[in-house]
């Protein structure tokens, strides 16, 4: 199942962006992963917001906020085209949540971590990518 985590300096998101960015990023991830839009898959798309205390993020150049989006998916879940789309949409989502423009896109980094098959567990069992594909097919048939 997918997981997405945004690390951002405290106060760098707009009030509305802070309220919506986690669900927005989870929706972006599910769309690019190709998961069915069902309650089950939405509940499995975990989204975290980690806010850094003031003064704990900087660069050698300035103190403008930078944003790190880390995505964890099963290996094989995203083609190169899907990864590119995910990076583009996640970047746009973070920029919108922070009230920034496309000119600030380099302040958003997106790292895609692919979890090797059999190294992800949930509910006390190892989960394999083939199991998720079969589950998604079943969810689509029921939708």
N, C-alpha and C. Protein backbone atom coordinates (compact mmCIF):
# COMPACT_ATOMS: atom_id res chain seq x y z
N UNK A 1 0.84 -1.17 0.00
CA UNK A 1 0.00 0.00 0.00
C UNK A 1 0.88 1.24 0.00
N UNK A 2 0.40 2.30 -0.55
CA UNK A 2 1.23 3.49 -0.66
C UNK A 2 1.25 4.32 0.62
N UNK A 3 2.35 5.05 0.79
CA UNK A 3 2.49 5.98 1.89
C UNK A 3 3.18 7.23 1.35
N UNK A 4 2.74 8.38 1.82
CA UNK A 4 3.34 9.63 1.38
C UNK A 4 3.56 10.51 2.61
N UNK A 5 4.74 11.15 2.67
CA UNK A 5 5.08 11.98 3.81
C UNK A 5 5.64 13.31 3.29
N UNK A 6 5.05 14.40 3.78
CA UNK A 6 5.54 15.74 3.47
C UNK A 6 6.24 16.27 4.70
N UNK A 7 7.49 16.66 4.54
CA UNK A 7 8.24 17.34 5.59
C UNK A 7 8.36 18.79 5.18
N UNK A 8 7.92 19.67 6.07
CA UNK A 8 7.89 21.10 5.75
C UNK A 8 8.20 21.90 7.02
N UNK A 9 8.84 23.06 6.85
CA UNK A 9 9.05 23.92 8.01
C UNK A 9 7.72 24.41 8.58
N UNK A 10 7.63 24.45 9.88
CA UNK A 10 6.43 24.94 10.55
C UNK A 10 6.08 26.34 10.04
N UNK A 11 4.81 26.54 9.74
CA UNK A 11 4.35 27.85 9.28
C UNK A 11 4.54 28.11 7.80
N UNK A 12 5.07 27.14 7.05
CA UNK A 12 5.33 27.37 5.63
C UNK A 12 4.12 27.08 4.74
N UNK A 13 3.11 26.41 5.28
CA UNK A 13 1.90 26.14 4.51
C UNK A 13 0.84 27.18 4.86
N UNK A 14 -0.03 27.47 3.90
CA UNK A 14 -1.14 28.36 4.20
C UNK A 14 -2.08 27.65 5.16
N UNK A 15 -2.98 28.38 5.79
CA UNK A 15 -3.93 27.76 6.71
C UNK A 15 -4.77 26.70 5.98
N UNK A 16 -5.28 27.04 4.80
CA UNK A 16 -6.07 26.09 4.03
C UNK A 16 -5.20 24.93 3.55
N UNK A 17 -3.99 25.23 3.09
CA UNK A 17 -3.07 24.19 2.62
C UNK A 17 -2.75 23.18 3.70
N UNK A 18 -2.56 23.65 4.91
CA UNK A 18 -2.26 22.74 6.02
C UNK A 18 -3.42 21.80 6.27
N UNK A 19 -4.65 22.27 6.08
CA UNK A 19 -5.84 21.44 6.31
C UNK A 19 -6.03 20.38 5.23
N UNK A 20 -5.60 20.67 4.01
CA UNK A 20 -5.96 19.80 2.88
C UNK A 20 -4.79 19.04 2.25
N UNK A 21 -3.56 19.42 2.51
CA UNK A 21 -2.43 18.87 1.75
C UNK A 21 -2.27 17.37 1.91
N UNK A 22 -2.54 16.82 3.07
CA UNK A 22 -2.35 15.38 3.26
C UNK A 22 -3.31 14.56 2.40
N UNK A 23 -4.57 14.90 2.42
CA UNK A 23 -5.53 14.16 1.58
C UNK A 23 -5.28 14.43 0.11
N UNK A 24 -4.89 15.65 -0.22
CA UNK A 24 -4.60 15.96 -1.63
C UNK A 24 -3.42 15.14 -2.13
N UNK A 25 -2.37 15.03 -1.33
CA UNK A 25 -1.21 14.23 -1.73
C UNK A 25 -1.56 12.76 -1.81
N UNK A 26 -2.36 12.26 -0.87
CA UNK A 26 -2.78 10.85 -0.93
C UNK A 26 -3.58 10.58 -2.19
N UNK A 27 -4.45 11.51 -2.58
CA UNK A 27 -5.24 11.34 -3.80
C UNK A 27 -4.34 11.34 -5.04
N UNK A 28 -3.34 12.21 -5.06
CA UNK A 28 -2.37 12.23 -6.17
C UNK A 28 -1.66 10.89 -6.26
N UNK A 29 -1.21 10.37 -5.13
CA UNK A 29 -0.50 9.09 -5.11
C UNK A 29 -1.38 7.95 -5.61
N UNK A 30 -2.59 7.86 -5.12
CA UNK A 30 -3.49 6.79 -5.55
C UNK A 30 -3.80 6.88 -7.04
N UNK A 31 -4.00 8.09 -7.54
CA UNK A 31 -4.29 8.27 -8.97
C UNK A 31 -3.13 7.77 -9.82
N UNK A 32 -1.91 8.15 -9.47
CA UNK A 32 -0.75 7.75 -10.29
C UNK A 32 -0.40 6.28 -10.09
N UNK A 33 -0.74 5.74 -8.93
CA UNK A 33 -0.49 4.32 -8.71
C UNK A 33 -1.51 3.47 -9.47
N UNK A 34 -2.64 4.08 -9.83
CA UNK A 34 -3.66 3.36 -10.57
C UNK A 34 -4.57 2.54 -9.67
N UNK A 35 -4.61 2.86 -8.40
CA UNK A 35 -5.47 2.14 -7.45
C UNK A 35 -6.92 2.56 -7.67
N UNK A 36 -7.85 1.64 -7.44
CA UNK A 36 -9.25 2.00 -7.57
C UNK A 36 -9.66 3.02 -6.51
N UNK A 37 -10.58 3.89 -6.85
CA UNK A 37 -11.06 4.91 -5.91
C UNK A 37 -12.16 4.32 -5.05
N UNK A 38 -11.73 3.51 -4.08
CA UNK A 38 -12.67 2.87 -3.15
C UNK A 38 -12.28 3.24 -1.73
N UNK A 39 -13.22 3.08 -0.82
CA UNK A 39 -12.95 3.40 0.58
C UNK A 39 -11.78 2.58 1.11
N UNK A 40 -11.69 1.30 0.72
CA UNK A 40 -10.60 0.46 1.20
C UNK A 40 -9.25 1.02 0.79
N UNK A 41 -9.06 1.34 -0.49
CA UNK A 41 -7.76 1.82 -0.94
C UNK A 41 -7.47 3.22 -0.42
N UNK A 42 -8.48 4.07 -0.30
CA UNK A 42 -8.25 5.40 0.29
C UNK A 42 -7.79 5.26 1.74
N UNK A 43 -8.35 4.28 2.48
CA UNK A 43 -7.96 4.09 3.88
C UNK A 43 -6.55 3.54 4.02
N UNK A 44 -6.01 2.92 2.98
CA UNK A 44 -4.67 2.35 3.03
C UNK A 44 -3.60 3.33 2.54
N UNK A 45 -4.00 4.44 1.97
CA UNK A 45 -3.04 5.45 1.48
C UNK A 45 -2.71 6.39 2.63
N UNK A 46 -1.71 6.01 3.40
CA UNK A 46 -1.35 6.79 4.58
C UNK A 46 -0.60 8.05 4.16
N UNK A 47 -0.93 9.15 4.81
CA UNK A 47 -0.32 10.43 4.49
C UNK A 47 0.09 11.12 5.78
N UNK A 48 1.35 11.54 5.83
CA UNK A 48 1.90 12.19 7.02
C UNK A 48 2.34 13.60 6.69
N UNK A 49 2.17 14.49 7.65
CA UNK A 49 2.72 15.83 7.57
C UNK A 49 3.66 15.99 8.76
N UNK A 50 4.93 16.18 8.46
CA UNK A 50 5.95 16.39 9.50
C UNK A 50 6.37 17.85 9.42
N UNK A 51 6.08 18.60 10.47
CA UNK A 51 6.45 20.01 10.49
C UNK A 51 7.69 20.20 11.35
N UNK A 52 8.69 20.79 10.74
CA UNK A 52 9.97 21.02 11.42
C UNK A 52 9.89 22.28 12.27
N UNK A 53 10.46 22.23 13.46
CA UNK A 53 10.48 23.43 14.29
C UNK A 53 11.25 24.57 13.60
N UNK A 54 10.90 25.78 13.96
CA UNK A 54 11.55 26.96 13.39
C UNK A 54 13.06 26.86 13.54
N UNK A 55 13.77 27.18 12.48
CA UNK A 55 15.23 27.20 12.49
C UNK A 55 15.90 25.87 12.23
N UNK A 56 15.14 24.81 11.93
CA UNK A 56 15.77 23.50 11.73
C UNK A 56 15.94 23.13 10.27
N UNK A 57 15.53 23.99 9.35
CA UNK A 57 15.72 23.74 7.92
C UNK A 57 16.32 24.98 7.29
N UNK A 58 17.40 24.79 6.54
CA UNK A 58 18.03 25.90 5.85
C UNK A 58 18.86 25.34 4.70
N UNK A 59 19.40 26.20 3.89
CA UNK A 59 20.38 25.81 2.87
C UNK A 59 21.63 26.64 3.08
N UNK A 60 22.65 26.39 2.30
CA UNK A 60 23.86 27.20 2.39
C UNK A 60 23.61 28.61 1.83
N UNK A 61 22.50 28.79 1.12
CA UNK A 61 22.19 30.07 0.47
C UNK A 61 21.22 30.93 1.27
N UNK A 62 20.11 30.34 1.73
CA UNK A 62 19.06 31.15 2.35
C UNK A 62 18.21 30.29 3.30
N UNK A 63 17.22 30.93 3.88
CA UNK A 63 16.34 30.22 4.81
C UNK A 63 14.92 30.08 4.27
N UNK A 64 14.73 30.26 2.96
CA UNK A 64 13.41 30.07 2.37
C UNK A 64 12.99 28.62 2.59
N UNK A 65 11.71 28.38 2.84
CA UNK A 65 11.28 27.00 3.12
C UNK A 65 11.51 26.06 1.95
N UNK A 66 11.93 24.85 2.28
CA UNK A 66 12.07 23.75 1.31
C UNK A 66 11.14 22.65 1.77
N UNK A 67 10.70 21.83 0.84
CA UNK A 67 9.70 20.80 1.12
C UNK A 67 10.20 19.47 0.58
N UNK A 68 10.04 18.43 1.38
CA UNK A 68 10.45 17.09 0.99
C UNK A 68 9.24 16.18 1.00
N UNK A 69 8.93 15.61 -0.16
CA UNK A 69 7.84 14.65 -0.28
C UNK A 69 8.48 13.28 -0.48
N UNK A 70 8.20 12.36 0.43
CA UNK A 70 8.72 10.99 0.32
C UNK A 70 7.55 10.05 0.09
N UNK A 71 7.66 9.28 -0.98
CA UNK A 71 6.61 8.36 -1.38
C UNK A 71 7.17 6.94 -1.29
N UNK A 72 6.43 6.06 -0.64
CA UNK A 72 6.81 4.65 -0.57
C UNK A 72 5.72 3.83 -1.23
N UNK A 73 6.11 3.04 -2.23
CA UNK A 73 5.18 2.20 -2.97
C UNK A 73 5.82 0.82 -3.17
N UNK A 74 5.00 -0.19 -3.44
CA UNK A 74 5.58 -1.49 -3.77
C UNK A 74 6.39 -1.41 -5.07
N UNK A 75 7.51 -2.10 -5.10
CA UNK A 75 8.33 -2.14 -6.31
C UNK A 75 7.47 -2.64 -7.46
N UNK A 76 7.54 -1.93 -8.58
CA UNK A 76 6.78 -2.30 -9.76
C UNK A 76 5.44 -1.60 -9.88
N UNK A 77 5.03 -0.86 -8.84
CA UNK A 77 3.72 -0.20 -8.87
C UNK A 77 3.69 1.02 -9.78
N UNK A 78 4.84 1.64 -10.02
CA UNK A 78 4.88 2.86 -10.82
C UNK A 78 5.84 2.71 -11.99
N UNK A 79 5.33 2.90 -13.19
CA UNK A 79 6.19 2.96 -14.38
C UNK A 79 6.95 4.29 -14.34
N UNK A 80 7.90 4.46 -15.24
CA UNK A 80 8.63 5.73 -15.31
C UNK A 80 7.67 6.88 -15.61
N UNK A 81 6.70 6.65 -16.48
CA UNK A 81 5.70 7.69 -16.82
C UNK A 81 4.88 8.05 -15.59
N UNK A 82 4.47 7.04 -14.83
CA UNK A 82 3.67 7.30 -13.63
C UNK A 82 4.50 8.03 -12.56
N UNK A 83 5.77 7.67 -12.42
CA UNK A 83 6.64 8.37 -11.47
C UNK A 83 6.75 9.85 -11.84
N UNK A 84 6.95 10.11 -13.13
CA UNK A 84 7.09 11.50 -13.59
C UNK A 84 5.80 12.28 -13.30
N UNK A 85 4.66 11.67 -13.58
CA UNK A 85 3.39 12.34 -13.31
C UNK A 85 3.17 12.58 -11.82
N UNK A 86 3.55 11.61 -11.01
CA UNK A 86 3.44 11.74 -9.56
C UNK A 86 4.31 12.88 -9.05
N UNK A 87 5.55 12.95 -9.52
CA UNK A 87 6.46 14.02 -9.09
C UNK A 87 5.89 15.38 -9.49
N UNK A 88 5.39 15.49 -10.71
CA UNK A 88 4.84 16.77 -11.17
C UNK A 88 3.62 17.18 -10.34
N UNK A 89 2.69 16.26 -10.15
CA UNK A 89 1.46 16.60 -9.42
C UNK A 89 1.72 16.81 -7.93
N UNK A 90 2.62 16.04 -7.32
CA UNK A 90 2.94 16.25 -5.91
C UNK A 90 3.60 17.61 -5.71
N UNK A 91 4.48 17.97 -6.63
CA UNK A 91 5.14 19.29 -6.55
C UNK A 91 4.11 20.39 -6.63
N UNK A 92 3.20 20.30 -7.59
CA UNK A 92 2.16 21.32 -7.75
C UNK A 92 1.27 21.38 -6.50
N UNK A 93 0.94 20.24 -5.93
CA UNK A 93 0.10 20.19 -4.74
C UNK A 93 0.77 20.90 -3.57
N UNK A 94 2.06 20.67 -3.37
CA UNK A 94 2.80 21.32 -2.28
C UNK A 94 2.90 22.82 -2.53
N UNK A 95 3.22 23.20 -3.75
CA UNK A 95 3.30 24.63 -4.06
C UNK A 95 1.98 25.32 -3.76
N UNK A 96 0.88 24.71 -4.17
CA UNK A 96 -0.44 25.29 -3.90
C UNK A 96 -0.70 25.40 -2.40
N UNK A 97 -0.34 24.35 -1.66
CA UNK A 97 -0.57 24.35 -0.21
C UNK A 97 0.27 25.39 0.51
N UNK A 98 1.40 25.76 -0.08
CA UNK A 98 2.28 26.76 0.52
C UNK A 98 2.04 28.15 -0.04
N UNK A 99 1.13 28.27 -1.02
CA UNK A 99 0.87 29.57 -1.64
C UNK A 99 2.03 30.05 -2.49
N UNK A 100 2.77 29.11 -3.09
CA UNK A 100 3.92 29.45 -3.91
C UNK A 100 3.60 29.24 -5.39
N UNK A 101 4.46 29.78 -6.25
CA UNK A 101 4.25 29.68 -7.69
C UNK A 101 5.16 28.61 -8.29
N UNK A 102 4.92 28.31 -9.55
CA UNK A 102 5.76 27.35 -10.29
C UNK A 102 7.23 27.77 -10.28
N UNK A 103 7.49 29.05 -10.14
CA UNK A 103 8.87 29.54 -10.08
C UNK A 103 9.62 28.98 -8.87
N UNK A 104 8.88 28.51 -7.87
CA UNK A 104 9.48 27.96 -6.65
C UNK A 104 9.57 26.44 -6.68
N UNK A 105 9.34 25.83 -7.82
CA UNK A 105 9.27 24.36 -7.92
C UNK A 105 10.54 23.66 -7.44
N UNK A 106 11.71 24.27 -7.60
CA UNK A 106 12.95 23.64 -7.15
C UNK A 106 13.05 23.56 -5.63
N UNK A 107 12.13 24.21 -4.93
CA UNK A 107 12.11 24.13 -3.47
C UNK A 107 11.35 22.90 -2.99
N UNK A 108 10.81 22.12 -3.92
CA UNK A 108 10.09 20.89 -3.59
C UNK A 108 10.85 19.71 -4.18
N UNK A 109 11.26 18.80 -3.33
CA UNK A 109 11.89 17.56 -3.78
C UNK A 109 10.92 16.42 -3.53
N UNK A 110 10.84 15.50 -4.48
CA UNK A 110 10.00 14.31 -4.34
C UNK A 110 10.90 13.09 -4.50
N UNK A 111 10.93 12.25 -3.49
CA UNK A 111 11.72 11.02 -3.52
C UNK A 111 10.77 9.84 -3.54
N UNK A 112 10.91 8.97 -4.53
CA UNK A 112 10.08 7.77 -4.64
C UNK A 112 10.90 6.58 -4.15
N UNK A 113 10.42 5.95 -3.09
CA UNK A 113 11.07 4.77 -2.52
C UNK A 113 10.24 3.55 -2.91
N UNK A 114 10.86 2.63 -3.62
CA UNK A 114 10.16 1.41 -4.01
C UNK A 114 10.52 0.29 -3.04
N UNK A 115 9.52 -0.23 -2.38
CA UNK A 115 9.69 -1.28 -1.38
C UNK A 115 9.77 -2.64 -2.09
N UNK A 116 10.87 -3.38 -1.94
CA UNK A 116 10.99 -4.69 -2.59
C UNK A 116 9.87 -5.64 -2.19
N UNK A 117 9.46 -6.47 -3.12
CA UNK A 117 8.37 -7.41 -2.90
C UNK A 117 8.67 -8.30 -1.70
N UNK A 118 7.67 -8.46 -0.85
CA UNK A 118 7.81 -9.32 0.32
C UNK A 118 8.40 -8.64 1.54
N UNK A 119 8.76 -7.34 1.42
CA UNK A 119 9.35 -6.64 2.57
C UNK A 119 8.38 -5.63 3.16
N UNK A 120 7.12 -5.74 2.81
CA UNK A 120 6.09 -4.86 3.33
C UNK A 120 5.06 -5.74 4.01
N UNK A 121 4.71 -5.41 5.21
CA UNK A 121 3.72 -6.21 5.92
C UNK A 121 2.60 -5.36 6.47
N UNK A 122 1.42 -5.95 6.56
CA UNK A 122 0.25 -5.28 7.15
C UNK A 122 -0.66 -6.35 7.71
N UNK A 123 -1.29 -6.06 8.80
CA UNK A 123 -2.21 -7.01 9.40
C UNK A 123 -1.54 -8.29 9.84
N UNK A 124 -0.25 -8.23 10.10
CA UNK A 124 0.48 -9.40 10.57
C UNK A 124 0.98 -10.32 9.46
N UNK A 125 0.85 -9.90 8.20
CA UNK A 125 1.28 -10.74 7.08
C UNK A 125 2.12 -9.94 6.10
N UNK A 126 3.05 -10.62 5.44
CA UNK A 126 3.81 -9.99 4.36
C UNK A 126 2.85 -9.78 3.19
N UNK A 127 2.95 -8.61 2.56
CA UNK A 127 2.09 -8.27 1.43
C UNK A 127 2.95 -8.28 0.17
N UNK A 128 2.48 -8.96 -0.84
CA UNK A 128 3.17 -9.02 -2.13
C UNK A 128 2.42 -8.17 -3.14
N UNK A 129 3.16 -7.62 -4.10
CA UNK A 129 2.56 -6.75 -5.11
C UNK A 129 1.45 -7.48 -5.86
N UNK A 130 1.66 -8.75 -6.19
CA UNK A 130 0.63 -9.52 -6.92
C UNK A 130 -0.67 -9.59 -6.10
N UNK A 131 -0.56 -9.66 -4.78
CA UNK A 131 -1.75 -9.66 -3.92
C UNK A 131 -2.51 -8.34 -4.05
N UNK A 132 -1.77 -7.25 -4.10
CA UNK A 132 -2.40 -5.93 -4.22
C UNK A 132 -3.09 -5.77 -5.57
N UNK A 133 -2.44 -6.25 -6.63
CA UNK A 133 -3.03 -6.17 -7.97
C UNK A 133 -4.33 -6.97 -8.01
N UNK A 134 -4.32 -8.16 -7.45
CA UNK A 134 -5.53 -8.99 -7.43
C UNK A 134 -6.64 -8.31 -6.61
N UNK A 135 -6.26 -7.72 -5.50
CA UNK A 135 -7.22 -7.02 -4.66
C UNK A 135 -7.81 -5.83 -5.41
N UNK A 136 -6.97 -5.08 -6.11
CA UNK A 136 -7.44 -3.92 -6.88
C UNK A 136 -8.41 -4.35 -7.97
N UNK A 137 -8.11 -5.45 -8.64
CA UNK A 137 -9.02 -5.96 -9.69
C UNK A 137 -10.36 -6.31 -9.09
N UNK A 138 -10.35 -6.94 -7.94
CA UNK A 138 -11.60 -7.28 -7.26
C UNK A 138 -12.36 -6.05 -6.82
N UNK A 139 -11.66 -5.04 -6.37
CA UNK A 139 -12.30 -3.78 -5.94
C UNK A 139 -12.92 -3.07 -7.14
N UNK A 140 -12.22 -3.11 -8.28
CA UNK A 140 -12.76 -2.46 -9.48
C UNK A 140 -14.05 -3.15 -9.92
N UNK A 141 -14.08 -4.48 -9.84
CA UNK A 141 -15.26 -5.24 -10.26
C UNK A 141 -16.45 -4.90 -9.39
N UNK A 142 -16.19 -4.60 -8.11
CA UNK A 142 -17.27 -4.30 -7.17
C UNK A 142 -17.70 -2.84 -7.23
N UNK A 143 -16.84 -1.99 -7.82
CA UNK A 143 -17.12 -0.54 -7.78
C UNK A 143 -18.25 -0.14 -8.68
